Amino acid sequence: MISFFGLLLVCAGKMAPAQSMSQDPELAVLAYNFSDASPELMDRAERETQRIFGEAKIHISWIDCPIRKVPTANSACFEEPVPGQIRLRILKRPSEPRFRDSIFGFAIAPLFATVYFESAVRLTRISINAEIDLSIVLGCLIAHEIGHLLLGENRHSASGIMKAQWELKQIQLAMMGSLLFLPEERALLNSHARQRGNMPRQTFSTNSQSDAVLAQNPVATRDLGKR
């Protein structure tokens, strides 16, 4: 999970069918938006996340899921997860008031990620002298959390998008399109993205509570793990 002066992280993941080694791996991300973010803002944020992963030669296919079951919804939104799948929640804010000024998201392996919208908004106010695009910040936060699903819950770096502490410099880099995974992280991301599609189904179905239901619960966290 991401915090302003330090990150809280745990880890959380659908992928498309296994790719041949000659193709870029693909991650399928099911997004559930419980926040005030508009569909247009979400679309721009998703495109930024895709751009960041594209630098690691990973393609993301997005499925925008309704928060309530409707006949027109993609059936995958309400089914048990399959190997490689990632489920993303955009929540309004942390449910615990004590976390609201310090945490921007968290992830739970192998498939579950959460980003807090109001925390992304707060990051856009880090400087009064710069115009900061909320969709870019949100897209970077999403990329960070998905990164933990592929790199590990405690994987942080001294620089780049996986840096544990985000301050003005990281936001400035994001606005320049330069807040990215490091070269060594890109190689691991690509390798692990390929592997996820081949994981046994049990890996994604061992929890007593269905992750398909959990992803639609705006207050469920299951386990915030380490801080």
Protein backbone atom coordinates (compact mmCIF):
# COMPACT_ATOMS: atom_id res chain seq x y z
CA MET A 1 0.00 0.00 0.00
CA ILE A 2 1.22 3.47 -0.66
CA SER A 3 1.61 6.19 1.91
CA PHE A 4 2.68 9.79 1.62
CA PHE A 5 5.86 9.44 3.68
CA GLY A 6 5.97 5.66 3.77
CA LEU A 7 4.10 2.83 2.09
CA LEU A 8 1.81 0.26 3.62
CA LEU A 9 1.75 -2.77 1.40
CA VAL A 10 0.43 -6.21 1.32
CA CYS A 11 -0.32 -7.64 -2.07
CA ALA A 12 -3.24 -8.80 -4.31
CA GLY A 13 -4.47 -10.56 -9.23
CA LYS A 14 -6.60 -12.02 -14.11
CA MET A 15 -4.47 -12.61 -16.87
CA ALA A 16 -5.28 -13.51 -20.37
CA PRO A 17 -4.47 -17.04 -21.55
CA ALA A 18 -0.80 -17.93 -21.48
CA GLN A 19 1.18 -16.11 -24.10
CA SER A 20 3.83 -17.62 -26.26
CA MET A 21 7.36 -16.46 -25.57
CA SER A 22 7.29 -14.42 -28.78
CA GLN A 23 4.36 -12.32 -27.52
CA ASP A 24 4.15 -9.74 -24.81
CA PRO A 25 2.36 -11.14 -21.73
CA GLU A 26 -1.10 -9.77 -21.02
CA LEU A 27 -2.76 -8.94 -17.72
CA ALA A 28 -6.54 -8.71 -17.52
CA VAL A 29 -7.57 -6.27 -14.80
CA LEU A 30 -11.17 -6.13 -13.56
CA ALA A 31 -11.76 -2.64 -12.14
CA TYR A 32 -14.51 -1.85 -9.60
CA ASN A 33 -14.94 1.87 -9.01
CA PHE A 34 -16.58 2.69 -5.67
CA SER A 35 -15.22 6.24 -5.62
CA ASP A 36 -16.17 9.65 -7.00
CA ALA A 37 -13.83 9.17 -9.98
CA SER A 38 -15.77 9.68 -13.20
CA PRO A 39 -15.68 7.06 -15.98
CA GLU A 40 -13.67 9.52 -18.07
CA LEU A 41 -11.10 9.98 -15.30
CA MET A 42 -10.87 6.22 -14.82
CA ASP A 43 -10.32 5.73 -18.53
CA ARG A 44 -7.43 8.20 -18.53
CA ALA A 45 -5.93 6.62 -15.40
CA GLU A 46 -6.16 3.16 -16.95
CA ARG A 47 -4.41 4.40 -20.07
CA GLU A 48 -1.59 5.79 -17.94
CA THR A 49 -1.25 2.46 -16.11
CA GLN A 50 -1.16 0.69 -19.48
CA ARG A 51 1.54 3.07 -20.73
CA ILE A 52 3.69 2.36 -17.68
CA PHE A 53 3.38 -1.40 -18.06
CA GLY A 54 3.92 -1.05 -21.79
CA GLU A 55 7.45 0.11 -20.96
CA ALA A 56 7.92 -3.37 -19.47
CA LYS A 57 6.39 -4.94 -22.59
CA ILE A 58 3.28 -6.03 -20.71
CA HIS A 59 -0.19 -5.38 -22.13
CA ILE A 60 -3.15 -4.72 -19.84
CA SER A 61 -6.70 -5.42 -20.94
CA TRP A 62 -9.27 -3.64 -18.80
CA ILE A 63 -12.74 -4.80 -17.82
CA ASP A 64 -14.70 -2.04 -16.08
CA CYS A 65 -17.10 -3.84 -13.76
CA PRO A 66 -20.28 -2.38 -12.26
CA ILE A 67 -20.47 -2.37 -8.48
CA ARG A 68 -23.89 -4.02 -8.68
CA LYS A 69 -24.76 -6.99 -10.82
CA VAL A 70 -26.60 -6.00 -13.98
CA PRO A 71 -27.57 -8.10 -17.02
CA THR A 72 -25.21 -6.20 -19.31
CA ALA A 73 -22.13 -6.72 -17.13
CA ASN A 74 -19.26 -8.88 -18.28
CA SER A 75 -19.81 -12.27 -16.63
CA ALA A 76 -16.18 -12.34 -15.44
CA CYS A 77 -17.01 -9.51 -13.02
CA PHE A 78 -19.13 -11.81 -10.85
CA GLU A 79 -17.43 -15.18 -11.30
CA GLU A 80 -14.68 -16.87 -9.33
CA PRO A 81 -11.25 -15.57 -10.35
CA VAL A 82 -9.15 -17.52 -12.80
CA PRO A 83 -5.36 -17.87 -12.94
CA GLY A 84 -3.59 -14.60 -13.51
CA GLN A 85 -6.60 -12.37 -12.94
CA ILE A 86 -6.23 -9.07 -11.11
CA ARG A 87 -9.11 -7.41 -9.30
CA LEU A 88 -8.77 -3.70 -8.66
CA ARG A 89 -10.94 -1.60 -6.36
CA ILE A 90 -10.94 2.18 -6.38
CA LEU A 91 -12.33 3.18 -2.99
CA LYS A 92 -13.14 6.66 -1.77
CA ARG A 93 -10.91 6.58 1.33
CA PRO A 94 -9.49 4.17 3.96
CA SER A 95 -12.16 2.97 6.36
CA GLU A 96 -9.83 3.59 9.32
CA PRO A 97 -9.60 7.35 10.01
CA ARG A 98 -6.04 6.99 11.36
CA PHE A 99 -4.87 5.85 7.89
CA ARG A 100 -6.50 8.59 5.84
CA ASP A 101 -3.51 10.90 5.75
CA SER A 102 -0.85 8.26 5.21
CA ILE A 103 -2.08 5.39 3.04
CA PHE A 104 -2.82 5.46 -0.68
CA GLY A 105 -3.55 1.81 -1.36
CA PHE A 106 -2.67 -1.81 -0.64
CA ALA A 107 -2.51 -5.16 -2.35
CA ILE A 108 -3.17 -8.73 -1.24
CA ALA A 109 -1.64 -11.63 -3.16
CA PRO A 110 -2.37 -13.14 -5.49
CA LEU A 111 -5.05 -11.00 -7.12
CA PHE A 112 -6.53 -8.22 -5.01
CA ALA A 113 -5.51 -4.53 -5.18
CA THR A 114 -7.02 -1.35 -3.76
CA VAL A 115 -6.27 2.33 -4.38
CA TYR A 116 -7.88 5.22 -2.47
CA PHE A 117 -9.21 7.99 -4.68
CA GLU A 118 -9.17 10.77 -2.08
CA SER A 119 -5.54 9.96 -1.34
CA ALA A 120 -4.71 10.42 -5.02
CA VAL A 121 -6.52 13.76 -4.92
CA ARG A 122 -4.42 14.76 -1.91
CA LEU A 123 -1.22 14.03 -3.83
CA THR A 124 -2.29 16.52 -6.52
CA ARG A 125 -2.14 19.22 -3.83
CA ILE A 126 1.47 18.51 -2.90
CA SER A 127 2.56 21.65 -4.74
CA ILE A 128 0.75 24.95 -5.19
CA ASN A 129 3.11 25.95 -7.98
CA ALA A 130 2.45 23.10 -10.39
CA GLU A 131 -0.55 21.82 -12.28
CA ILE A 132 -0.92 18.13 -11.44
CA ASP A 133 -3.13 15.80 -13.47
CA LEU A 134 -5.21 13.61 -11.17
CA SER A 135 -5.62 10.86 -13.77
CA ILE A 136 -1.84 10.52 -14.10
CA VAL A 137 -1.38 10.27 -10.33
CA LEU A 138 -4.17 7.71 -10.05
CA GLY A 139 -2.73 5.68 -12.92
CA CYS A 140 0.68 5.64 -11.24
CA LEU A 141 -0.80 4.51 -7.92
CA ILE A 142 -2.63 1.69 -9.70
CA ALA A 143 0.58 0.65 -11.44
CA HIS A 144 2.41 0.61 -8.09
CA GLU A 145 -0.13 -1.71 -6.48
CA ILE A 146 -0.29 -4.05 -9.48
CA GLY A 147 3.50 -4.01 -9.41
CA HIS A 148 3.40 -5.53 -5.95
CA LEU A 149 1.33 -8.44 -7.24
CA LEU A 150 4.13 -9.28 -9.66
CA LEU A 151 7.23 -8.23 -7.73
CA GLY A 152 6.29 -9.08 -4.14
CA GLU A 153 4.59 -7.37 -1.23
CA ASN A 154 7.75 -5.95 0.27
CA ARG A 155 9.47 -5.02 -2.98
CA HIS A 156 10.41 -1.36 -3.01
CA SER A 157 13.15 0.55 -4.77
CA ALA A 158 15.26 3.60 -4.06
CA SER A 159 13.77 5.35 -7.09
CA GLY A 160 11.10 4.85 -9.71
CA ILE A 161 7.45 3.97 -9.33
CA MET A 162 8.12 1.31 -6.68
CA LYS A 163 9.72 3.81 -4.29
CA ALA A 164 8.18 3.46 -0.85
CA GLN A 165 7.99 7.18 -0.13
CA TRP A 166 6.28 9.49 -2.61
CA GLU A 167 7.08 13.16 -2.35
CA LEU A 168 7.12 16.11 -4.73
CA LYS A 169 9.90 14.65 -6.90
CA GLN A 170 7.87 11.50 -7.66
CA ILE A 171 4.85 13.59 -8.64
CA GLN A 172 6.99 15.77 -10.89
CA LEU A 173 8.38 12.65 -12.59
CA ALA A 174 4.85 11.33 -13.02
CA MET A 175 3.80 14.53 -14.77
CA MET A 176 6.75 14.14 -17.14
CA GLY A 177 5.84 10.53 -17.88
CA SER A 178 9.07 9.41 -16.20
CA LEU A 179 7.80 7.68 -13.06
CA LEU A 180 8.39 4.13 -14.28
CA PHE A 181 9.59 0.70 -13.23
CA LEU A 182 13.36 0.36 -13.12
CA PRO A 183 15.04 -1.75 -15.86
CA GLU A 184 15.68 -4.67 -13.48
CA GLU A 185 12.06 -4.53 -12.31
CA ARG A 186 10.78 -4.61 -15.89
CA ALA A 187 12.50 -7.93 -16.54
CA LEU A 188 10.97 -9.46 -13.40
CA LEU A 189 7.53 -8.02 -14.16
CA ASN A 190 7.57 -9.53 -17.64
CA SER A 191 8.71 -12.93 -16.39
CA HIS A 192 6.20 -13.07 -13.55
CA ALA A 193 3.36 -11.86 -15.76
CA ARG A 194 4.00 -14.83 -18.06
CA GLN A 195 4.03 -17.23 -15.13
CA ARG A 196 0.74 -16.05 -13.63
CA GLY A 197 -1.37 -17.45 -16.44
CA ASN A 198 0.03 -20.91 -15.77
CA MET A 199 -0.62 -20.97 -12.04
CA PRO A 200 -3.03 -23.67 -10.78
CA ARG A 201 -6.58 -22.47 -10.29
CA GLN A 202 -6.43 -23.39 -6.59
CA THR A 203 -3.93 -20.58 -6.10
CA PHE A 204 -6.72 -18.10 -6.83
CA SER A 205 -9.56 -19.96 -5.10
CA THR A 206 -8.24 -20.95 -1.67
CA ASN A 207 -9.99 -18.21 0.32
CA SER A 208 -13.18 -19.11 2.13
CA GLN A 209 -14.81 -15.90 0.91
CA SER A 210 -15.18 -15.60 -2.85
CA ASP A 211 -12.83 -13.01 -4.26
CA ALA A 212 -15.51 -12.19 -6.82
CA VAL A 213 -17.66 -11.02 -3.91
CA LEU A 214 -14.76 -9.49 -2.00
CA ALA A 215 -13.82 -7.26 -4.93
CA GLN A 216 -17.32 -5.79 -4.85
CA ASN A 217 -17.23 -5.08 -1.11
CA PRO A 218 -15.97 -1.51 -0.56
CA VAL A 219 -15.10 -2.13 3.09
CA ALA A 220 -13.66 -5.65 2.96
CA THR A 221 -9.91 -5.75 3.35
CA ARG A 222 -9.38 -9.35 4.50
CA ASP A 223 -5.93 -8.56 5.88
CA LEU A 224 -3.94 -5.35 5.71
CA GLY A 225 -0.82 -7.22 6.77
CA LYS A 226 2.32 -5.22 7.47
CA ARG A 227 2.42 -1.45 7.77
